[in-house]
PDB file of N, CA and C in Angstrom:
ATOM      1  N   MET A   1       6.028   7.003 -16.449  1.00  0.00           N
ATOM      2  CA  MET A   1       4.750   6.429 -16.085  1.00  0.00           C
ATOM      3  C   MET A   1       4.948   5.493 -14.899  1.00  0.00           C
ATOM      4  N   CYS A   2       3.965   5.461 -14.055  1.00  0.00           N
ATOM      5  CA  CYS A   2       3.999   4.597 -12.881  1.00  0.00           C
ATOM      6  C   CYS A   2       4.137   3.140 -13.299  1.00  0.00           C
ATOM      7  N   SER A   3       4.973   2.403 -12.603  1.00  0.00           N
ATOM      8  CA  SER A   3       5.225   1.018 -12.985  1.00  0.00           C
ATOM      9  C   SER A   3       4.008   0.127 -12.783  1.00  0.00           C
ATOM     10  N   THR A   4       3.029   0.570 -11.987  1.00  0.00           N
ATOM     11  CA  THR A   4       1.840  -0.242 -11.780  1.00  0.00           C
ATOM     12  C   THR A   4       0.749   0.041 -12.806  1.00  0.00           C
ATOM     13  N   TRP A   5       0.958   1.003 -13.692  1.00  0.00           N
ATOM     14  CA  TRP A   5      -0.044   1.315 -14.711  1.00  0.00           C
ATOM     15  C   TRP A   5      -0.215   0.117 -15.633  1.00  0.00           C
ATOM     16  N   ARG A   6      -1.427  -0.236 -15.903  1.00  0.00           N
ATOM     17  CA  ARG A   6      -1.705  -1.362 -16.799  1.00  0.00           C
ATOM     18  C   ARG A   6      -1.550  -0.872 -18.233  1.00  0.00           C
ATOM     19  N   SER A   7      -0.415  -1.142 -18.825  1.00  0.00           N
ATOM     20  CA  SER A   7      -0.064  -0.577 -20.130  1.00  0.00           C
ATOM     21  C   SER A   7      -0.997  -1.022 -21.245  1.00  0.00           C
ATOM     22  N   ASN A   8      -1.724  -2.111 -21.059  1.00  0.00           N
ATOM     23  CA  ASN A   8      -2.642  -2.547 -22.099  1.00  0.00           C
ATOM     24  C   ASN A   8      -3.989  -1.834 -22.008  1.00  0.00           C
ATOM     25  N   ALA A   9      -4.168  -1.000 -20.993  1.00  0.00           N
ATOM     26  CA  ALA A   9      -5.421  -0.278 -20.817  1.00  0.00           C
ATOM     27  C   ALA A   9      -5.446   0.947 -21.714  1.00  0.00           C
ATOM     28  N   SER A  10      -6.570   1.194 -22.327  1.00  0.00           N
ATOM     29  CA  SER A  10      -6.749   2.355 -23.184  1.00  0.00           C
ATOM     30  C   SER A  10      -7.733   3.288 -22.484  1.00  0.00           C
ATOM     31  N   LEU A  11      -7.289   4.500 -22.198  1.00  0.00           N
ATOM     32  CA  LEU A  11      -8.068   5.412 -21.370  1.00  0.00           C
ATOM     33  C   LEU A  11      -8.598   6.586 -22.199  1.00  0.00           C
ATOM     34  N   PRO A  12      -9.923   6.728 -22.320  1.00  0.00           N
ATOM     35  CA  PRO A  12     -10.488   7.891 -22.998  1.00  0.00           C
ATOM     36  C   PRO A  12     -10.794   9.004 -21.999  1.00  0.00           C
ATOM     37  N   GLY A  13     -10.978  10.222 -22.487  1.00  0.00           N
ATOM     38  CA  GLY A  13     -11.438  11.312 -21.637  1.00  0.00           C
ATOM     39  C   GLY A  13     -10.379  12.234 -21.097  1.00  0.00           C
ATOM     40  N   LEU A  14      -9.125  12.045 -21.478  1.00  0.00           N
ATOM     41  CA  LEU A  14      -8.062  12.905 -20.948  1.00  0.00           C
ATOM     42  C   LEU A  14      -7.775  14.124 -21.828  1.00  0.00           C
ATOM     43  N   TYR A  15      -8.320  14.152 -23.013  1.00  0.00           N
ATOM     44  CA  TYR A  15      -8.072  15.256 -23.947  1.00  0.00           C
ATOM     45  C   TYR A  15      -9.322  16.119 -24.017  1.00  0.00           C
ATOM     46  N   SER A  16      -9.229  17.339 -23.510  1.00  0.00           N
ATOM     47  CA  SER A  16     -10.412  18.197 -23.421  1.00  0.00           C
ATOM     48  C   SER A  16     -11.016  18.502 -24.785  1.00  0.00           C
ATOM     49  N   GLY A  17     -10.219  18.650 -25.806  1.00  0.00           N
ATOM     50  CA  GLY A  17     -10.738  18.950 -27.135  1.00  0.00           C
ATOM     51  C   GLY A  17     -11.297  17.737 -27.850  1.00  0.00           C
ATOM     52  N   ASN A  18     -10.966  16.553 -27.368  1.00  0.00           N
ATOM     53  CA  ASN A  18     -11.416  15.320 -28.005  1.00  0.00           C
ATOM     54  C   ASN A  18     -11.634  14.259 -26.924  1.00  0.00           C
ATOM     55  N   PRO A  19     -12.778  14.306 -26.252  1.00  0.00           N
ATOM     56  CA  PRO A  19     -13.001  13.411 -25.111  1.00  0.00           C
ATOM     57  C   PRO A  19     -13.076  11.929 -25.467  1.00  0.00           C
ATOM     58  N   THR A  20     -13.235  11.594 -26.735  1.00  0.00           N
ATOM     59  CA  THR A  20     -13.278  10.177 -27.110  1.00  0.00           C
ATOM     60  C   THR A  20     -11.903   9.632 -27.482  1.00  0.00           C
ATOM     61  N   ARG A  21     -10.919  10.537 -27.599  1.00  0.00           N
ATOM     62  CA  ARG A  21      -9.555  10.085 -27.927  1.00  0.00           C
ATOM     63  C   ARG A  21      -9.027   9.224 -26.790  1.00  0.00           C
ATOM     64  N   ARG A  22      -8.454   8.098 -27.143  1.00  0.00           N
ATOM     65  CA  ARG A  22      -7.931   7.149 -26.158  1.00  0.00           C
ATOM     66  C   ARG A  22      -6.403   7.185 -26.157  1.00  0.00           C
ATOM     67  N   THR A  23      -5.834   6.847 -25.013  1.00  0.00           N
ATOM     68  CA  THR A  23      -4.382   6.767 -24.915  1.00  0.00           C
ATOM     69  C   THR A  23      -3.993   5.573 -24.051  1.00  0.00           C
ATOM     70  N   HIS A  24      -2.893   4.947 -24.427  1.00  0.00           N
ATOM     71  CA  HIS A  24      -2.352   3.822 -23.640  1.00  0.00           C
ATOM     72  C   HIS A  24      -1.304   4.313 -22.649  1.00  0.00           C
ATOM     73  N   LEU A  25      -0.712   5.470 -22.932  1.00  0.00           N
ATOM     74  CA  LEU A  25       0.353   6.008 -22.073  1.00  0.00           C
ATOM     75  C   LEU A  25       0.069   7.469 -21.732  1.00  0.00           C
ATOM     76  N   PRO A  26      -0.840   7.720 -20.811  1.00  0.00           N
ATOM     77  CA  PRO A  26      -1.135   9.112 -20.453  1.00  0.00           C
ATOM     78  C   PRO A  26       0.017   9.748 -19.692  1.00  0.00           C
ATOM     79  N   THR A  27       0.191  11.040 -19.880  1.00  0.00           N
ATOM     80  CA  THR A  27       1.229  11.758 -19.141  1.00  0.00           C
ATOM     81  C   THR A  27       0.732  12.035 -17.720  1.00  0.00           C
ATOM     82  N   ALA A  28       1.657  12.261 -16.828  1.00  0.00           N
ATOM     83  CA  ALA A  28       1.294  12.596 -15.448  1.00  0.00           C
ATOM     84  C   ALA A  28       0.475  13.882 -15.423  1.00  0.00           C
ATOM     85  N   GLU A  29       0.829  14.830 -16.278  1.00  0.00           N
ATOM     86  CA  GLU A  29       0.094  16.095 -16.326  1.00  0.00           C
ATOM     87  C   GLU A  29      -1.374  15.865 -16.672  1.00  0.00           C
ATOM     88  N   ARG A  30      -1.636  15.022 -17.658  1.00  0.00           N
ATOM     89  CA  ARG A  30      -3.024  14.741 -18.042  1.00  0.00           C
ATOM     90  C   ARG A  30      -3.768  13.999 -16.928  1.00  0.00           C
ATOM     91  N   LEU A  31      -3.075  13.098 -16.248  1.00  0.00           N
ATOM     92  CA  LEU A  31      -3.713  12.388 -15.136  1.00  0.00           C
ATOM     93  C   LEU A  31      -4.064  13.346 -14.004  1.00  0.00           C
ATOM     94  N   PHE A  32      -3.133  14.246 -13.665  1.00  0.00           N
ATOM     95  CA  PHE A  32      -3.404  15.220 -12.611  1.00  0.00           C
ATOM     96  C   PHE A  32      -4.547  16.152 -13.003  1.00  0.00           C
ATOM     97  N   LYS A  33      -4.580  16.577 -14.258  1.00  0.00           N
ATOM     98  CA  LYS A  33      -5.654  17.461 -14.720  1.00  0.00           C
ATOM     99  C   LYS A  33      -7.012  16.792 -14.610  1.00  0.00           C
ATOM    100  N   ALA A  34      -7.050  15.485 -14.736  1.00  0.00           N
ATOM    101  CA  ALA A  34      -8.315  14.758 -14.622  1.00  0.00           C
ATOM    102  C   ALA A  34      -8.889  14.869 -13.208  1.00  0.00           C
ATOM    103  N   PHE A  35      -8.049  15.208 -12.237  1.00  0.00           N
ATOM    104  CA  PHE A  35      -8.502  15.313 -10.858  1.00  0.00           C
ATOM    105  C   PHE A  35      -8.770  16.759 -10.434  1.00  0.00           C
ATOM    106  N   ARG A  36      -8.725  17.681 -11.383  1.00  0.00           N
ATOM    107  CA  ARG A  36      -9.116  19.060 -11.061  1.00  0.00           C
ATOM    108  C   ARG A  36     -10.596  19.076 -10.710  1.00  0.00           C
ATOM    109  N   GLY A  37     -10.970  20.000  -9.884  1.00  0.00           N
ATOM    110  CA  GLY A  37     -12.378  20.126  -9.536  1.00  0.00           C
ATOM    111  C   GLY A  37     -12.793  19.292  -8.343  1.00  0.00           C
ATOM    112  N   ILE A  38     -11.848  18.660  -7.696  1.00  0.00           N
ATOM    113  CA  ILE A  38     -12.164  17.941  -6.464  1.00  0.00           C
ATOM    114  C   ILE A  38     -12.042  18.938  -5.313  1.00  0.00           C
ATOM    115  N   PHE A  39     -13.054  18.942  -4.481  1.00  0.00           N
ATOM    116  CA  PHE A  39     -13.069  19.888  -3.377  1.00  0.00           C
ATOM    117  C   PHE A  39     -13.232  19.160  -2.060  1.00  0.00           C
ATOM    118  N   LEU A  40     -12.597  19.710  -1.050  1.00  0.00           N
ATOM    119  CA  LEU A  40     -12.770  19.239   0.318  1.00  0.00           C
ATOM    120  C   LEU A  40     -13.562  20.311   1.047  1.00  0.00           C
ATOM    121  N   SER A  41     -14.728  19.946   1.524  1.00  0.00           N
ATOM    122  CA  SER A  41     -15.552  20.865   2.310  1.00  0.00           C
ATOM    123  C   SER A  41     -15.387  20.508   3.775  1.00  0.00           C
ATOM    124  N   ILE A  42     -15.169  21.531   4.583  1.00  0.00           N
ATOM    125  CA  ILE A  42     -15.038  21.339   6.026  1.00  0.00           C
ATOM    126  C   ILE A  42     -16.134  22.161   6.679  1.00  0.00           C
ATOM    127  N   ILE A  43     -17.003  21.487   7.402  1.00  0.00           N
ATOM    128  CA  ILE A  43     -18.156  22.139   7.998  1.00  0.00           C
ATOM    129  C   ILE A  43     -18.079  21.986   9.509  1.00  0.00           C
ATOM    130  N   PHE A  44     -18.165  23.110  10.203  1.00  0.00           N
ATOM    131  CA  PHE A  44     -18.191  23.107  11.662  1.00  0.00           C
ATOM    132  C   PHE A  44     -19.642  23.320  12.077  1.00  0.00           C
ATOM    133  N   LEU A  45     -20.225  22.326  12.755  1.00  0.00           N
ATOM    134  CA  LEU A  45     -21.640  22.377  13.064  1.00  0.00           C
ATOM    135  C   LEU A  45     -21.893  21.768  14.437  1.00  0.00           C
ATOM    136  N   SER A  46     -22.412  22.566  15.329  1.00  0.00           N
ATOM    137  CA  SER A  46     -22.781  22.091  16.677  1.00  0.00           C
ATOM    138  C   SER A  46     -21.652  21.323  17.359  1.00  0.00           C
ATOM    139  N   GLY A  47     -20.460  21.872  17.323  1.00  0.00           N
ATOM    140  CA  GLY A  47     -19.329  21.243  17.985  1.00  0.00           C
ATOM    141  C   GLY A  47     -18.739  20.062  17.235  1.00  0.00           C
ATOM    142  N   LYS A  48     -19.221  19.773  16.056  1.00  0.00           N
ATOM    143  CA  LYS A  48     -18.694  18.681  15.243  1.00  0.00           C
ATOM    144  C   LYS A  48     -18.025  19.261  14.005  1.00  0.00           C
ATOM    145  N   THR A  49     -17.050  18.537  13.528  1.00  0.00           N
ATOM    146  CA  THR A  49     -16.410  18.890  12.268  1.00  0.00           C
ATOM    147  C   THR A  49     -16.731  17.802  11.261  1.00  0.00           C
ATOM    148  N   ILE A  50     -17.288  18.211  10.134  1.00  0.00           N
ATOM    149  CA  ILE A  50     -17.681  17.266   9.093  1.00  0.00           C
ATOM    150  C   ILE A  50     -16.826  17.541   7.862  1.00  0.00           C
ATOM    151  N   TYR A  51     -16.217  16.482   7.313  1.00  0.00           N
ATOM    152  CA  TYR A  51     -15.396  16.591   6.116  1.00  0.00           C
ATOM    153  C   TYR A  51     -16.115  15.896   4.966  1.00  0.00           C
ATOM    154  N   GLN A  52     -16.125  16.550   3.830  1.00  0.00           N
ATOM    155  CA  GLN A  52     -16.764  15.942   2.674  1.00  0.00           C
ATOM    156  C   GLN A  52     -15.919  16.204   1.428  1.00  0.00           C
ATOM    157  N   LEU A  53     -15.614  15.118   0.697  1.00  0.00           N
ATOM    158  CA  LEU A  53     -14.888  15.226  -0.568  1.00  0.00           C
ATOM    159  C   LEU A  53     -15.872  15.130  -1.721  1.00  0.00           C
ATOM    160  N   SER A  54     -15.571  15.838  -2.801  1.00  0.00           N
ATOM    161  CA  SER A  54     -16.373  15.701  -4.015  1.00  0.00           C
ATOM    162  C   SER A  54     -16.351  14.243  -4.451  1.00  0.00           C
ATOM    163  N   PRO A  55     -17.444  13.758  -5.019  1.00  0.00           N
ATOM    164  CA  PRO A  55     -17.436  12.375  -5.512  1.00  0.00           C
ATOM    165  C   PRO A  55     -16.526  12.249  -6.730  1.00  0.00           C
ATOM    166  N   LEU A  56     -15.997  11.059  -6.925  1.00  0.00           N
ATOM    167  CA  LEU A  56     -15.139  10.800  -8.088  1.00  0.00           C
ATOM    168  C   LEU A  56     -15.982  10.661  -9.350  1.00  0.00           C
ATOM    169  N   SER A  57     -15.446  11.157 -10.453  1.00  0.00           N
ATOM    170  CA  SER A  57     -16.088  10.926 -11.745  1.00  0.00           C
ATOM    171  C   SER A  57     -15.723   9.514 -12.209  1.00  0.00           C
ATOM    172  N   ALA A  58     -16.377   9.073 -13.266  1.00  0.00           N
ATOM    173  CA  ALA A  58     -16.069   7.746 -13.818  1.00  0.00           C
ATOM    174  C   ALA A  58     -14.616   7.694 -14.283  1.00  0.00           C
ATOM    175  N   LEU A  59     -14.134   8.772 -14.894  1.00  0.00           N
ATOM    176  CA  LEU A  59     -12.742   8.820 -15.364  1.00  0.00           C
ATOM    177  C   LEU A  59     -11.770   8.732 -14.190  1.00  0.00           C
ATOM    178  N   GLN A  60     -12.031   9.485 -13.130  1.00  0.00           N
ATOM    179  CA  GLN A  60     -11.156   9.460 -11.963  1.00  0.00           C
ATOM    180  C   GLN A  60     -11.133   8.077 -11.319  1.00  0.00           C
ATOM    181  N   SER A  61     -12.282   7.445 -11.230  1.00  0.00           N
ATOM    182  CA  SER A  61     -12.347   6.082 -10.682  1.00  0.00           C
ATOM    183  C   SER A  61     -11.547   5.114 -11.541  1.00  0.00           C
ATOM    184  N   GLN A  62     -11.647   5.272 -12.851  1.00  0.00           N
ATOM    185  CA  GLN A  62     -10.913   4.390 -13.762  1.00  0.00           C
ATOM    186  C   GLN A  62      -9.408   4.582 -13.614  1.00  0.00           C
ATOM    187  N   ILE A  63      -8.967   5.817 -13.466  1.00  0.00           N
ATOM    188  CA  ILE A  63      -7.533   6.099 -13.293  1.00  0.00           C
ATOM    189  C   ILE A  63      -7.017   5.430 -12.018  1.00  0.00           C
ATOM    190  N   ILE A  64      -7.746   5.589 -10.930  1.00  0.00           N
ATOM    191  CA  ILE A  64      -7.324   4.977  -9.660  1.00  0.00           C
ATOM    192  C   ILE A  64      -7.221   3.459  -9.819  1.00  0.00           C
ATOM    193  N   SER A  65      -8.202   2.869 -10.471  1.00  0.00           N
ATOM    194  CA  SER A  65      -8.181   1.417 -10.683  1.00  0.00           C
ATOM    195  C   SER A  65      -7.012   0.991 -11.566  1.00  0.00           C
ATOM    196  N   LEU A  66      -6.747   1.755 -12.626  1.00  0.00           N
ATOM    197  CA  LEU A  66      -5.650   1.414 -13.531  1.00  0.00           C
ATOM    198  C   LEU A  66      -4.284   1.554 -12.868  1.00  0.00           C
ATOM    199  N   LEU A  67      -4.226   2.353 -11.825  1.00  0.00           N
ATOM    200  CA  LEU A  67      -2.984   2.470 -11.052  1.00  0.00           C
ATOM    201  C   LEU A  67      -2.833   1.315 -10.072  1.00  0.00           C
ATOM    202  N   GLY A  68      -3.817   0.441 -10.039  1.00  0.00           N
ATOM    203  CA  GLY A  68      -3.744  -0.723  -9.158  1.00  0.00           C
ATOM    204  C   GLY A  68      -4.123  -0.415  -7.724  1.00  0.00           C
ATOM    205  N   LEU A  69      -4.844   0.686  -7.503  1.00  0.00           N
ATOM    206  CA  LEU A  69      -5.243   1.085  -6.158  1.00  0.00           C
ATOM    207  C   LEU A  69      -6.722   0.808  -5.950  1.00  0.00           C
ATOM    208  N   PRO A  70      -7.121   0.502  -4.730  1.00  0.00           N
ATOM    209  CA  PRO A  70      -8.548   0.314  -4.468  1.00  0.00           C
ATOM    210  C   PRO A  70      -9.253   1.673  -4.439  1.00  0.00           C
ATOM    211  N   LEU A  71     -10.493   1.722  -4.887  1.00  0.00           N
ATOM    212  CA  LEU A  71     -11.235   2.983  -4.874  1.00  0.00           C
ATOM    213  C   LEU A  71     -11.437   3.502  -3.456  1.00  0.00           C
ATOM    214  N   SER A  72     -11.381   2.627  -2.484  1.00  0.00           N
ATOM    215  CA  SER A  72     -11.570   3.032  -1.086  1.00  0.00           C
ATOM    216  C   SER A  72     -10.468   3.982  -0.615  1.00  0.00           C
ATOM    217  N   ILE A  73      -9.357   4.025  -1.334  1.00  0.00           N
ATOM    218  CA  ILE A  73      -8.257   4.903  -0.937  1.00  0.00           C
ATOM    219  C   ILE A  73      -8.679   6.371  -0.953  1.00  0.00           C
ATOM    220  N   TYR A  74      -9.633   6.702  -1.803  1.00  0.00           N
ATOM    221  CA  TYR A  74     -10.105   8.081  -1.904  1.00  0.00           C
ATOM    222  C   TYR A  74     -10.790   8.526  -0.616  1.00  0.00           C
ATOM    223  N   GLY A  75     -11.628   7.690  -0.049  1.00  0.00           N
ATOM    224  CA  GLY A  75     -12.309   8.027   1.197  1.00  0.00           C
ATOM    225  C   GLY A  75     -11.380   8.072   2.392  1.00  0.00           C
ATOM    226  N   VAL A  76     -10.288   7.347   2.327  1.00  0.00           N
ATOM    227  CA  VAL A  76      -9.320   7.309   3.416  1.00  0.00           C
ATOM    228  C   VAL A  76      -8.642   8.674   3.585  1.00  0.00           C
ATOM    229  N   LEU A  77      -8.645   9.469   2.529  1.00  0.00           N
ATOM    230  CA  LEU A  77      -8.028  10.795   2.608  1.00  0.00           C
ATOM    231  C   LEU A  77      -8.585  11.607   3.766  1.00  0.00           C
ATOM    232  N   ILE A  78      -9.869  11.517   3.979  1.00  0.00           N
ATOM    233  CA  ILE A  78     -10.489  12.292   5.056  1.00  0.00           C
ATOM    234  C   ILE A  78     -10.115  11.736   6.429  1.00  0.00           C
ATOM    235  N   SER A  79     -10.159  10.432   6.578  1.00  0.00           N
ATOM    236  CA  SER A  79      -9.958   9.848   7.902  1.00  0.00           C
ATOM    237  C   SER A  79      -8.500   9.807   8.351  1.00  0.00           C
ATOM    238  N   ASP A  80      -7.560   9.825   7.428  1.00  0.00           N
ATOM    239  CA  ASP A  80      -6.160   9.679   7.817  1.00  0.00           C
ATOM    240  C   ASP A  80      -5.353  10.979   7.867  1.00  0.00           C
ATOM    241  N   ILE A  81      -5.913  12.063   7.411  1.00  0.00           N
ATOM    242  CA  ILE A  81      -5.163  13.320   7.401  1.00  0.00           C
ATOM    243  C   ILE A  81      -5.688  14.204   8.524  1.00  0.00           C
ATOM    244  N   PRO A  82      -4.818  14.546   9.473  1.00  0.00           N
ATOM    245  CA  PRO A  82      -5.280  15.414  10.562  1.00  0.00           C
ATOM    246  C   PRO A  82      -5.412  16.863  10.079  1.00  0.00           C
ATOM    247  N   PHE A  83      -6.497  17.472  10.445  1.00  0.00           N
ATOM    248  CA  PHE A  83      -6.713  18.873  10.107  1.00  0.00           C
ATOM    249  C   PHE A  83      -6.697  19.676  11.386  1.00  0.00           C
ATOM    250  N   SER A  84      -6.090  20.828  11.338  1.00  0.00           N
ATOM    251  CA  SER A  84      -6.157  21.717  12.498  1.00  0.00           C
ATOM    252  C   SER A  84      -6.307  23.147  12.000  1.00  0.00           C
ATOM    253  N   PHE A  85      -7.137  23.877  12.677  1.00  0.00           N
ATOM    254  CA  PHE A  85      -7.395  25.257  12.286  1.00  0.00           C
ATOM    255  C   PHE A  85      -7.233  26.136  13.511  1.00  0.00           C
ATOM    256  N   PRO A  86      -6.834  27.366  13.278  1.00  0.00           N
ATOM    257  CA  PRO A  86      -6.673  28.276  14.423  1.00  0.00           C
ATOM    258  C   PRO A  86      -7.972  28.554  15.131  1.00  0.00           C
TER     259      PRO A  86
END
């Protein structure tokens, strides 16, 4: 587990069969699975390129916060990663 994880935090929503089940020590696999379904849309329109990320769910926002990261880090993904297409 990441050393910045707040071990006293109890996180619900990581178990698909039991969404109310809480855990204090989620596995990396469960954390990564919580971020499935995020899409990056790239739209080319009138000479402009527009990037759009799916919005974060409440669970995803909570995970980012529990890792000690600001939620703004999610939006930075678009502005800091160079994209190039043929």
